Amino acid sequence: MLRDTDWLAYYSYMTSFDTYEKNLEKRLAEIKQGDRAYELNGDAIMETLPYEAADSVETDKVRILDVGCGLGFVALKMAQWPDAEVVGIDPSKKAIEIAKREHDGVGNLSFYAYSAQEFAVRITENKEPLFNRAVLNMVLHSVNDTEVTNILKSLKQVLLPHGSLSIVVPDEMWLIQKLVEKAHAAGIPWEETNKWGRALMAQESVDLSVSIHGEEVYEDPITIYNRTLKDYGKLLSAAGYGMDMVVSSPDKPNDEKIIPIPYWEFSDHSAGADLRAKDRRILLTQVK
């Protein structure tokens, strides 16, 4: 039985999901017109693909799982990786239908209408091959902590030992910018916007209207969960993800220590630098 708080979270999730499905064709048109932020997300994910743990399992094919793949354009980009076999999953049957339609004929790319939890059950029950890598591109910010944990634990079931996970999440400044846009649209005076925005930033989640290329606004809002990178780090650690960082003292360079961290922030590359200006963060972690 769901508790009252669970019903509230479920309602927020379904409201966002309905909005997502309702606007898929509009989203397709956006991407085809050229969505630079979306393209940068894909570029950043591609840059994380060469990085893997020294003790990760080697396979003939590099199996990559795109979780919450949407219309499949990032999955299509990853399918260009040498020896890649890419699977995109999304809980939206409509999104998967469009992805199959748009990317028909790409031999090493397939799509399935599954949530991460449902897909983990399928892989386990059918004893299908596990994946070297998984990707979560702008997915986790739209679900509550319980759902984030369920997704992360499900991915552990389908990833090989020490398999890697690339995650793109919005930075705090991304949400602040969206709130400024919301305040402007609501006619809130500039001198009151700061106080109004701070109050919303203190909440666990915020309902936001989403604009199309800064002009037309989607009919219904979506729920965005207000997390810091530290919050994501705690969720990753609790779900059994992390990496080792080797550090040494300047005075004793040979005196190395290994410090466990939940993720590397992948921001020192060209796409990362661009994404930093676009208020995104790229996190790279692995199954412990």
C-alpha atoms as a PDB file:
ATOM      1  CA  MET A   1       0.000   0.000   0.000  1.00  0.00           C
ATOM      2  CA  LEU A   2       1.270   3.487  -0.861  1.00  0.00           C
ATOM      3  CA  ARG A   3       1.595   6.034   1.925  1.00  0.00           C
ATOM      4  CA  ASP A   4       0.332   9.579   1.457  1.00  0.00           C
ATOM      5  CA  THR A   5       3.853  10.794   0.653  1.00  0.00           C
ATOM      6  CA  ASP A   6       4.252   7.957  -1.871  1.00  0.00           C
ATOM      7  CA  TRP A   7       0.992   8.936  -3.582  1.00  0.00           C
ATOM      8  CA  LEU A   8       2.241  12.509  -3.845  1.00  0.00           C
ATOM      9  CA  ALA A   9       5.524  11.375  -5.402  1.00  0.00           C
ATOM     10  CA  TYR A  10       3.659   9.007  -7.746  1.00  0.00           C
ATOM     11  CA  TYR A  11       1.284  11.770  -8.813  1.00  0.00           C
ATOM     12  CA  SER A  12       4.207  14.129  -9.518  1.00  0.00           C
ATOM     13  CA  TYR A  13       5.958  11.410 -11.520  1.00  0.00           C
ATOM     14  CA  MET A  14       2.853  10.576 -13.583  1.00  0.00           C
ATOM     15  CA  THR A  15       2.111  14.252 -14.228  1.00  0.00           C
ATOM     16  CA  SER A  16       5.642  14.747 -15.563  1.00  0.00           C
ATOM     17  CA  PHE A  17       5.424  11.487 -17.533  1.00  0.00           C
ATOM     18  CA  ASP A  18       2.128  12.493 -19.151  1.00  0.00           C
ATOM     19  CA  THR A  19       3.618  15.869 -20.098  1.00  0.00           C
ATOM     20  CA  TYR A  20       6.671  14.087 -21.519  1.00  0.00           C
ATOM     21  CA  GLU A  21       4.577  11.746 -23.675  1.00  0.00           C
ATOM     22  CA  LYS A  22       2.206  14.477 -24.827  1.00  0.00           C
ATOM     23  CA  ASN A  23       5.076  16.568 -26.212  1.00  0.00           C
ATOM     24  CA  LEU A  24       7.226  13.894 -27.860  1.00  0.00           C
ATOM     25  CA  GLU A  25       6.448  14.967 -31.420  1.00  0.00           C
ATOM     26  CA  LYS A  26       7.238  18.589 -30.515  1.00  0.00           C
ATOM     27  CA  ARG A  27      10.465  17.394 -28.934  1.00  0.00           C
ATOM     28  CA  LEU A  28      11.332  15.502 -32.111  1.00  0.00           C
ATOM     29  CA  ALA A  29      10.864  18.683 -34.124  1.00  0.00           C
ATOM     30  CA  GLU A  30      13.080  20.594 -31.663  1.00  0.00           C
ATOM     31  CA  ILE A  31      15.906  18.087 -32.011  1.00  0.00           C
ATOM     32  CA  LYS A  32      15.672  18.080 -35.788  1.00  0.00           C
ATOM     33  CA  GLN A  33      15.802  21.888 -35.836  1.00  0.00           C
ATOM     34  CA  GLY A  34      18.945  21.706 -33.720  1.00  0.00           C
ATOM     35  CA  ASP A  35      19.068  21.706 -29.927  1.00  0.00           C
ATOM     36  CA  ARG A  36      22.616  22.653 -28.952  1.00  0.00           C
ATOM     37  CA  ALA A  37      22.262  21.695 -25.275  1.00  0.00           C
ATOM     38  CA  TYR A  38      20.985  18.233 -26.256  1.00  0.00           C
ATOM     39  CA  GLU A  39      23.823  17.831 -28.755  1.00  0.00           C
ATOM     40  CA  LEU A  40      26.375  18.807 -26.108  1.00  0.00           C
ATOM     41  CA  ASN A  41      24.964  16.197 -23.736  1.00  0.00           C
ATOM     42  CA  GLY A  42      25.566  13.546 -26.386  1.00  0.00           C
ATOM     43  CA  ASP A  43      29.092  14.836 -27.085  1.00  0.00           C
ATOM     44  CA  ALA A  44      29.944  14.736 -23.374  1.00  0.00           C
ATOM     45  CA  ILE A  45      28.659  11.187 -23.007  1.00  0.00           C
ATOM     46  CA  MET A  46      30.740  10.106 -26.001  1.00  0.00           C
ATOM     47  CA  GLU A  47      33.837  11.498 -24.281  1.00  0.00           C
ATOM     48  CA  THR A  48      33.196   9.343 -21.207  1.00  0.00           C
ATOM     49  CA  LEU A  49      32.984   6.093 -23.191  1.00  0.00           C
ATOM     50  CA  PRO A  50      36.750   5.409 -23.431  1.00  0.00           C
ATOM     51  CA  TYR A  51      37.126   5.550 -19.642  1.00  0.00           C
ATOM     52  CA  GLU A  52      36.739   2.316 -17.746  1.00  0.00           C
ATOM     53  CA  ALA A  53      38.150   0.664 -14.659  1.00  0.00           C
ATOM     54  CA  ALA A  54      41.445  -1.204 -15.069  1.00  0.00           C
ATOM     55  CA  ASP A  55      39.779  -4.362 -13.732  1.00  0.00           C
ATOM     56  CA  SER A  56      36.582  -4.075 -15.787  1.00  0.00           C
ATOM     57  CA  VAL A  57      35.507  -7.130 -17.752  1.00  0.00           C
ATOM     58  CA  GLU A  58      36.557  -7.131 -21.423  1.00  0.00           C
ATOM     59  CA  THR A  59      34.094  -8.383 -24.028  1.00  0.00           C
ATOM     60  CA  ASP A  60      34.162  -8.705 -27.817  1.00  0.00           C
ATOM     61  CA  LYS A  61      31.309  -6.219 -28.139  1.00  0.00           C
ATOM     62  CA  VAL A  62      30.988  -3.065 -26.060  1.00  0.00           C
ATOM     63  CA  ARG A  63      27.401  -3.283 -24.867  1.00  0.00           C
ATOM     64  CA  ILE A  64      25.966   0.131 -23.935  1.00  0.00           C
ATOM     65  CA  LEU A  65      22.577   0.704 -22.308  1.00  0.00           C
ATOM     66  CA  ASP A  66      20.901   4.105 -22.737  1.00  0.00           C
ATOM     67  CA  VAL A  67      18.378   4.395 -19.902  1.00  0.00           C
ATOM     68  CA  GLY A  68      15.535   6.828 -20.525  1.00  0.00           C
ATOM     69  CA  CYS A  69      16.681   7.048 -24.145  1.00  0.00           C
ATOM     70  CA  GLY A  70      13.703   9.115 -25.267  1.00  0.00           C
ATOM     71  CA  LEU A  71      13.741   9.501 -29.051  1.00  0.00           C
ATOM     72  CA  GLY A  72      17.063   7.690 -29.368  1.00  0.00           C
ATOM     73  CA  PHE A  73      19.370  10.302 -30.886  1.00  0.00           C
ATOM     74  CA  VAL A  74      22.071   9.962 -28.201  1.00  0.00           C
ATOM     75  CA  ALA A  75      21.835   6.169 -28.537  1.00  0.00           C
ATOM     76  CA  LEU A  76      22.327   6.616 -32.287  1.00  0.00           C
ATOM     77  CA  LYS A  77      25.472   8.646 -31.637  1.00  0.00           C
ATOM     78  CA  MET A  78      26.830   5.968 -29.274  1.00  0.00           C
ATOM     79  CA  ALA A  79      26.170   3.315 -31.929  1.00  0.00           C
ATOM     80  CA  GLN A  80      29.041   4.902 -33.881  1.00  0.00           C
ATOM     81  CA  TRP A  81      31.482   3.762 -31.179  1.00  0.00           C
ATOM     82  CA  PRO A  82      33.777   0.944 -32.431  1.00  0.00           C
ATOM     83  CA  ASP A  83      32.372  -2.548 -31.729  1.00  0.00           C
ATOM     84  CA  ALA A  84      29.390  -1.009 -29.943  1.00  0.00           C
ATOM     85  CA  GLU A  85      26.074  -2.714 -29.454  1.00  0.00           C
ATOM     86  CA  VAL A  86      23.613  -0.141 -28.096  1.00  0.00           C
ATOM     87  CA  VAL A  87      20.259  -0.761 -26.447  1.00  0.00           C
ATOM     88  CA  GLY A  88      17.923   2.113 -25.642  1.00  0.00           C
ATOM     89  CA  ILE A  89      15.134   1.697 -23.112  1.00  0.00           C
ATOM     90  CA  ASP A  90      12.379   4.082 -22.092  1.00  0.00           C
ATOM     91  CA  PRO A  91       9.159   3.550 -20.121  1.00  0.00           C
ATOM     92  CA  SER A  92       7.246   5.431 -22.818  1.00  0.00           C
ATOM     93  CA  LYS A  93       5.942   3.126 -25.558  1.00  0.00           C
ATOM     94  CA  LYS A  94       5.295   6.204 -27.698  1.00  0.00           C
ATOM     95  CA  ALA A  95       8.928   7.361 -27.381  1.00  0.00           C
ATOM     96  CA  ILE A  96      10.168   3.910 -28.359  1.00  0.00           C
ATOM     97  CA  GLU A  97       7.841   3.787 -31.368  1.00  0.00           C
ATOM     98  CA  ILE A  98       9.278   7.102 -32.582  1.00  0.00           C
ATOM     99  CA  ALA A  99      12.860   5.996 -31.884  1.00  0.00           C
ATOM    100  CA  LYS A 100      12.363   2.818 -33.905  1.00  0.00           C
ATOM    101  CA  ARG A 101      10.787   4.805 -36.729  1.00  0.00           C
ATOM    102  CA  GLU A 102      13.557   7.420 -36.803  1.00  0.00           C
ATOM    103  CA  HIS A 103      16.502   5.019 -36.558  1.00  0.00           C
ATOM    104  CA  ASP A 104      15.239   2.040 -38.513  1.00  0.00           C
ATOM    105  CA  GLY A 105      18.000   0.112 -40.239  1.00  0.00           C
ATOM    106  CA  VAL A 106      20.846   0.785 -37.786  1.00  0.00           C
ATOM    107  CA  GLY A 107      21.980  -2.783 -37.176  1.00  0.00           C
ATOM    108  CA  ASN A 108      23.746  -2.377 -33.834  1.00  0.00           C
ATOM    109  CA  LEU A 109      20.981  -0.284 -32.256  1.00  0.00           C
ATOM    110  CA  SER A 110      17.749  -1.548 -30.706  1.00  0.00           C
ATOM    111  CA  PHE A 111      14.984  -0.040 -28.566  1.00  0.00           C
ATOM    112  CA  TYR A 112      12.630  -1.470 -25.957  1.00  0.00           C
ATOM    113  CA  ALA A 113       9.775  -0.016 -23.946  1.00  0.00           C
ATOM    114  CA  TYR A 114      10.976  -0.841 -20.430  1.00  0.00           C
ATOM    115  CA  SER A 115      11.724   0.986 -17.234  1.00  0.00           C
ATOM    116  CA  ALA A 116      15.145   0.268 -15.728  1.00  0.00           C
ATOM    117  CA  GLN A 117      13.502  -2.016 -13.157  1.00  0.00           C
ATOM    118  CA  GLU A 118      11.531  -3.958 -15.772  1.00  0.00           C
ATOM    119  CA  PHE A 119      14.584  -4.322 -17.977  1.00  0.00           C
ATOM    120  CA  ALA A 120      16.672  -5.679 -15.086  1.00  0.00           C
ATOM    121  CA  VAL A 121      14.045  -8.367 -14.515  1.00  0.00           C
ATOM    122  CA  ARG A 122      14.106  -9.286 -18.208  1.00  0.00           C
ATOM    123  CA  ILE A 123      17.921  -9.529 -18.322  1.00  0.00           C
ATOM    124  CA  THR A 124      18.040 -11.591 -15.140  1.00  0.00           C
ATOM    125  CA  GLU A 125      15.226 -13.991 -16.007  1.00  0.00           C
ATOM    126  CA  ASN A 126      16.394 -14.568 -19.594  1.00  0.00           C
ATOM    127  CA  LYS A 127      20.098 -14.650 -18.639  1.00  0.00           C
ATOM    128  CA  GLU A 128      20.899 -12.162 -21.392  1.00  0.00           C
ATOM    129  CA  PRO A 129      24.396 -10.646 -21.767  1.00  0.00           C
ATOM    130  CA  LEU A 130      25.261  -7.868 -19.342  1.00  0.00           C
ATOM    131  CA  PHE A 131      26.417  -4.379 -20.306  1.00  0.00           C
ATOM    132  CA  ASN A 132      29.843  -2.727 -20.114  1.00  0.00           C
ATOM    133  CA  ARG A 133      28.380   0.745 -19.786  1.00  0.00           C
ATOM    134  CA  ALA A 134      25.111   2.498 -19.026  1.00  0.00           C
ATOM    135  CA  VAL A 135      24.016   6.093 -19.606  1.00  0.00           C
ATOM    136  CA  LEU A 136      21.526   8.334 -17.777  1.00  0.00           C
ATOM    137  CA  ASN A 137      21.170  11.527 -19.791  1.00  0.00           C
ATOM    138  CA  MET A 138      19.067  14.160 -17.969  1.00  0.00           C
ATOM    139  CA  VAL A 139      16.887  11.494 -16.349  1.00  0.00           C
ATOM    140  CA  LEU A 140      17.504  11.512 -12.598  1.00  0.00           C
ATOM    141  CA  HIS A 141      16.458  15.120 -11.969  1.00  0.00           C
ATOM    142  CA  SER A 142      12.862  14.275 -12.876  1.00  0.00           C
ATOM    143  CA  VAL A 143      12.310  11.440 -10.367  1.00  0.00           C
ATOM    144  CA  ASN A 144      12.259  11.321  -6.562  1.00  0.00           C
ATOM    145  CA  ASP A 145      15.028   9.858  -4.379  1.00  0.00           C
ATOM    146  CA  THR A 146      13.306   6.481  -4.027  1.00  0.00           C
ATOM    147  CA  GLU A 147      12.994   6.153  -7.796  1.00  0.00           C
ATOM    148  CA  VAL A 148      16.629   7.266  -8.307  1.00  0.00           C
ATOM    149  CA  THR A 149      17.747   4.520  -5.912  1.00  0.00           C
ATOM    150  CA  ASN A 150      15.573   1.930  -7.680  1.00  0.00           C
ATOM    151  CA  ILE A 151      17.026   2.904 -11.066  1.00  0.00           C
ATOM    152  CA  LEU A 152      20.624   2.782  -9.824  1.00  0.00           C
ATOM    153  CA  LYS A 153      20.152  -0.590  -8.131  1.00  0.00           C
ATOM    154  CA  SER A 154      18.466  -1.989 -11.246  1.00  0.00           C
ATOM    155  CA  LEU A 155      21.431  -0.901 -13.370  1.00  0.00           C
ATOM    156  CA  LYS A 156      23.794  -2.758 -11.044  1.00  0.00           C
ATOM    157  CA  GLN A 157      21.960  -5.919 -12.036  1.00  0.00           C
ATOM    158  CA  VAL A 158      22.566  -5.399 -15.754  1.00  0.00           C
ATOM    159  CA  LEU A 159      26.131  -4.021 -15.642  1.00  0.00           C
ATOM    160  CA  LEU A 160      29.229  -6.210 -15.660  1.00  0.00           C
ATOM    161  CA  PRO A 161      31.552  -6.080 -12.615  1.00  0.00           C
ATOM    162  CA  HIS A 162      33.149  -2.603 -12.493  1.00  0.00           C
ATOM    163  CA  GLY A 163      30.956  -1.522 -15.384  1.00  0.00           C
ATOM    164  CA  SER A 164      30.765   2.241 -15.847  1.00  0.00           C
ATOM    165  CA  LEU A 165      27.825   4.622 -15.614  1.00  0.00           C
ATOM    166  CA  SER A 166      27.766   8.057 -17.293  1.00  0.00           C
ATOM    167  CA  ILE A 167      25.266  10.541 -15.865  1.00  0.00           C
ATOM    168  CA  VAL A 168      24.251  14.005 -17.046  1.00  0.00           C
ATOM    169  CA  VAL A 169      22.363  16.090 -14.475  1.00  0.00           C
ATOM    170  CA  PRO A 170      21.436  19.779 -14.307  1.00  0.00           C
ATOM    171  CA  ASP A 171      23.525  22.032 -12.129  1.00  0.00           C
ATOM    172  CA  GLU A 172      21.932  24.233  -9.468  1.00  0.00           C
ATOM    173  CA  MET A 173      22.368  27.214 -11.788  1.00  0.00           C
ATOM    174  CA  TRP A 174      20.245  25.470 -14.410  1.00  0.00           C
ATOM    175  CA  LEU A 175      17.286  25.415 -12.017  1.00  0.00           C
ATOM    176  CA  ILE A 176      17.916  28.998 -10.920  1.00  0.00           C
ATOM    177  CA  GLN A 177      17.841  30.136 -14.551  1.00  0.00           C
ATOM    178  CA  LYS A 178      14.597  28.238 -15.124  1.00  0.00           C
ATOM    179  CA  LEU A 179      13.080  29.899 -12.051  1.00  0.00           C
ATOM    180  CA  VAL A 180      14.116  33.333 -13.300  1.00  0.00           C
ATOM    181  CA  GLU A 181      12.383  32.545 -16.597  1.00  0.00           C
ATOM    182  CA  LYS A 182       9.299  31.365 -14.696  1.00  0.00           C
ATOM    183  CA  ALA A 183       9.229  34.526 -12.576  1.00  0.00           C
ATOM    184  CA  HIS A 184       9.512  36.686 -15.683  1.00  0.00           C
ATOM    185  CA  ALA A 185       6.653  34.811 -17.374  1.00  0.00           C
ATOM    186  CA  ALA A 186       4.508  35.179 -14.230  1.00  0.00           C
ATOM    187  CA  GLY A 187       5.132  38.925 -14.110  1.00  0.00           C
ATOM    188  CA  ILE A 188       6.881  38.839 -10.737  1.00  0.00           C
ATOM    189  CA  PRO A 189       8.777  42.122 -10.187  1.00  0.00           C
ATOM    190  CA  TRP A 190      12.556  41.762 -10.454  1.00  0.00           C
ATOM    191  CA  GLU A 191      13.084  42.970  -6.874  1.00  0.00           C
ATOM    192  CA  GLU A 192      10.860  40.127  -5.598  1.00  0.00           C
ATOM    193  CA  THR A 193      12.276  37.399  -7.839  1.00  0.00           C
ATOM    194  CA  ASN A 194      15.278  36.638  -5.607  1.00  0.00           C
ATOM    195  CA  LYS A 195      13.164  36.043  -2.495  1.00  0.00           C
ATOM    196  CA  TRP A 196      10.600  34.051  -4.454  1.00  0.00           C
ATOM    197  CA  GLY A 197      13.310  31.922  -6.073  1.00  0.00           C
ATOM    198  CA  ARG A 198      15.091  31.229  -2.791  1.00  0.00           C
ATOM    199  CA  ALA A 199      11.852  29.948  -1.287  1.00  0.00           C
ATOM    200  CA  LEU A 200      11.377  27.535  -4.191  1.00  0.00           C
ATOM    201  CA  MET A 201      15.023  26.410  -4.073  1.00  0.00           C
ATOM    202  CA  ALA A 202      14.462  25.387  -0.453  1.00  0.00           C
ATOM    203  CA  GLN A 203      11.756  22.939  -1.539  1.00  0.00           C
ATOM    204  CA  GLU A 204      12.423  19.307  -2.413  1.00  0.00           C
ATOM    205  CA  SER A 205      10.981  19.773  -5.901  1.00  0.00           C
ATOM    206  CA  VAL A 206       9.676  22.493  -8.199  1.00  0.00           C
ATOM    207  CA  ASP A 207       7.051  22.353 -10.947  1.00  0.00           C
ATOM    208  CA  LEU A 208       8.353  24.103 -14.042  1.00  0.00           C
ATOM    209  CA  SER A 209       6.904  25.017 -17.389  1.00  0.00           C
ATOM    210  CA  VAL A 210       9.225  24.057 -20.223  1.00  0.00           C
ATOM    211  CA  SER A 211       9.730  26.350 -23.199  1.00  0.00           C
ATOM    212  CA  ILE A 212      10.401  25.299 -26.771  1.00  0.00           C
ATOM    213  CA  HIS A 213      13.416  27.233 -28.065  1.00  0.00           C
ATOM    214  CA  GLY A 214      12.550  29.968 -25.560  1.00  0.00           C
ATOM    215  CA  GLU A 215       9.216  30.755 -27.206  1.00  0.00           C
ATOM    216  CA  GLU A 216       6.234  28.401 -27.101  1.00  0.00           C
ATOM    217  CA  VAL A 217       5.670  26.797 -23.677  1.00  0.00           C
ATOM    218  CA  TYR A 218       4.581  23.203 -23.180  1.00  0.00           C
ATOM    219  CA  GLU A 219       0.998  22.988 -21.947  1.00  0.00           C
ATOM    220  CA  ASP A 220       1.737  21.258 -18.628  1.00  0.00           C
ATOM    221  CA  PRO A 221       4.627  21.700 -16.164  1.00  0.00           C
ATOM    222  CA  ILE A 222       7.115  19.003 -15.191  1.00  0.00           C
ATOM    223  CA  THR A 223       8.464  18.266 -11.725  1.00  0.00           C
ATOM    224  CA  ILE A 224      12.181  18.919 -11.183  1.00  0.00           C
ATOM    225  CA  TYR A 225      13.885  17.608  -8.028  1.00  0.00           C
ATOM    226  CA  ASN A 226      16.201  20.139  -6.458  1.00  0.00           C
ATOM    227  CA  ARG A 227      19.442  18.230  -5.795  1.00  0.00           C
ATOM    228  CA  THR A 228      23.048  19.292  -5.400  1.00  0.00           C
ATOM    229  CA  LEU A 229      25.980  17.216  -6.668  1.00  0.00           C
ATOM    230  CA  LYS A 230      26.575  16.187  -3.054  1.00  0.00           C
ATOM    231  CA  ASP A 231      23.035  14.793  -2.964  1.00  0.00           C
ATOM    232  CA  TYR A 232      23.717  12.744  -6.102  1.00  0.00           C
ATOM    233  CA  GLY A 233      26.966  11.526  -4.575  1.00  0.00           C
ATOM    234  CA  LYS A 234      25.137  10.224  -1.505  1.00  0.00           C
ATOM    235  CA  LEU A 235      22.576   8.422  -3.651  1.00  0.00           C
ATOM    236  CA  LEU A 236      25.315   6.816  -5.780  1.00  0.00           C
ATOM    237  CA  SER A 237      27.315   5.692  -2.744  1.00  0.00           C
ATOM    238  CA  ALA A 238      24.232   4.239  -1.052  1.00  0.00           C
ATOM    239  CA  ALA A 239      23.383   2.286  -4.217  1.00  0.00           C
ATOM    240  CA  GLY A 240      26.869   0.746  -4.444  1.00  0.00           C
ATOM    241  CA  TYR A 241      28.693   2.946  -6.951  1.00  0.00           C
ATOM    242  CA  GLY A 242      32.044   4.666  -6.583  1.00  0.00           C
ATOM    243  CA  MET A 243      35.584   5.170  -7.814  1.00  0.00           C
ATOM    244  CA  ASP A 244      39.059   5.340  -6.303  1.00  0.00           C
ATOM    245  CA  MET A 245      41.108   8.520  -6.449  1.00  0.00           C
ATOM    246  CA  VAL A 246      44.875   8.220  -5.964  1.00  0.00           C
ATOM    247  CA  VAL A 247      46.379  11.230  -4.164  1.00  0.00           C
ATOM    248  CA  SER A 248      49.812  12.050  -2.823  1.00  0.00           C
ATOM    249  CA  SER A 249      51.274  14.820  -0.713  1.00  0.00           C
ATOM    250  CA  PRO A 250      53.448  17.449  -2.490  1.00  0.00           C
ATOM    251  CA  ASP A 251      56.052  16.821   0.205  1.00  0.00           C
ATOM    252  CA  LYS A 252      55.883  13.043  -0.245  1.00  0.00           C
ATOM    253  CA  PRO A 253      54.948  12.346  -3.881  1.00  0.00           C
ATOM    254  CA  ASN A 254      55.598   8.622  -3.474  1.00  0.00           C
ATOM    255  CA  ASP A 255      53.330   8.390  -0.454  1.00  0.00           C
ATOM    256  CA  GLU A 256      50.113   7.679  -2.339  1.00  0.00           C
ATOM    257  CA  LYS A 257      46.724   7.190  -0.761  1.00  0.00           C
ATOM    258  CA  ILE A 258      43.544   5.849  -2.276  1.00  0.00           C
ATOM    259  CA  ILE A 259      40.446   7.864  -1.462  1.00  0.00           C
ATOM    260  CA  PRO A 260      37.032   6.455  -2.421  1.00  0.00           C
ATOM    261  CA  ILE A 261      34.736   8.970  -4.140  1.00  0.00           C
ATOM    262  CA  PRO A 262      31.194   8.486  -5.485  1.00  0.00           C
ATOM    263  CA  TYR A 263      32.033   9.813  -8.959  1.00  0.00           C
ATOM    264  CA  TRP A 264      34.448  11.758 -11.130  1.00  0.00           C
ATOM    265  CA  GLU A 265      33.065  15.062 -12.318  1.00  0.00           C
ATOM    266  CA  PHE A 266      33.875  14.881 -15.995  1.00  0.00           C
ATOM    267  CA  SER A 267      34.275  18.588 -16.705  1.00  0.00           C
ATOM    268  CA  ASP A 268      37.829  19.074 -17.950  1.00  0.00           C
ATOM    269  CA  HIS A 269      37.118  18.366 -21.609  1.00  0.00           C
ATOM    270  CA  SER A 270      35.793  20.540 -24.399  1.00  0.00           C
ATOM    271  CA  ALA A 271      32.199  19.330 -24.234  1.00  0.00           C
ATOM    272  CA  GLY A 272      32.342  19.528 -20.463  1.00  0.00           C
ATOM    273  CA  ALA A 273      33.486  23.117 -20.619  1.00  0.00           C
ATOM    274  CA  ASP A 274      30.643  23.993 -22.980  1.00  0.00           C
ATOM    275  CA  LEU A 275      28.177  22.122 -20.832  1.00  0.00           C
ATOM    276  CA  ARG A 276      29.392  23.972 -17.763  1.00  0.00           C
ATOM    277  CA  ALA A 277      28.259  27.163 -19.469  1.00  0.00           C
ATOM    278  CA  LYS A 278      24.977  25.402 -20.231  1.00  0.00           C
ATOM    279  CA  ASP A 279      24.540  24.490 -16.546  1.00  0.00           C
ATOM    280  CA  ARG A 280      24.963  20.735 -16.886  1.00  0.00           C
ATOM    281  CA  ARG A 281      27.273  18.359 -15.034  1.00  0.00           C
ATOM    282  CA  ILE A 282      28.713  15.077 -16.305  1.00  0.00           C
ATOM    283  CA  LEU A 283      29.365  12.413 -13.673  1.00  0.00           C
ATOM    284  CA  LEU A 284      31.284   9.196 -14.317  1.00  0.00           C
ATOM    285  CA  THR A 285      31.084   6.351 -11.824  1.00  0.00           C
ATOM    286  CA  GLN A 286      31.259   2.559 -11.775  1.00  0.00           C
ATOM    287  CA  VAL A 287      29.874  -0.484 -10.025  1.00  0.00           C
ATOM    288  CA  LYS A 288      31.954  -1.200  -6.944  1.00  0.00           C
END
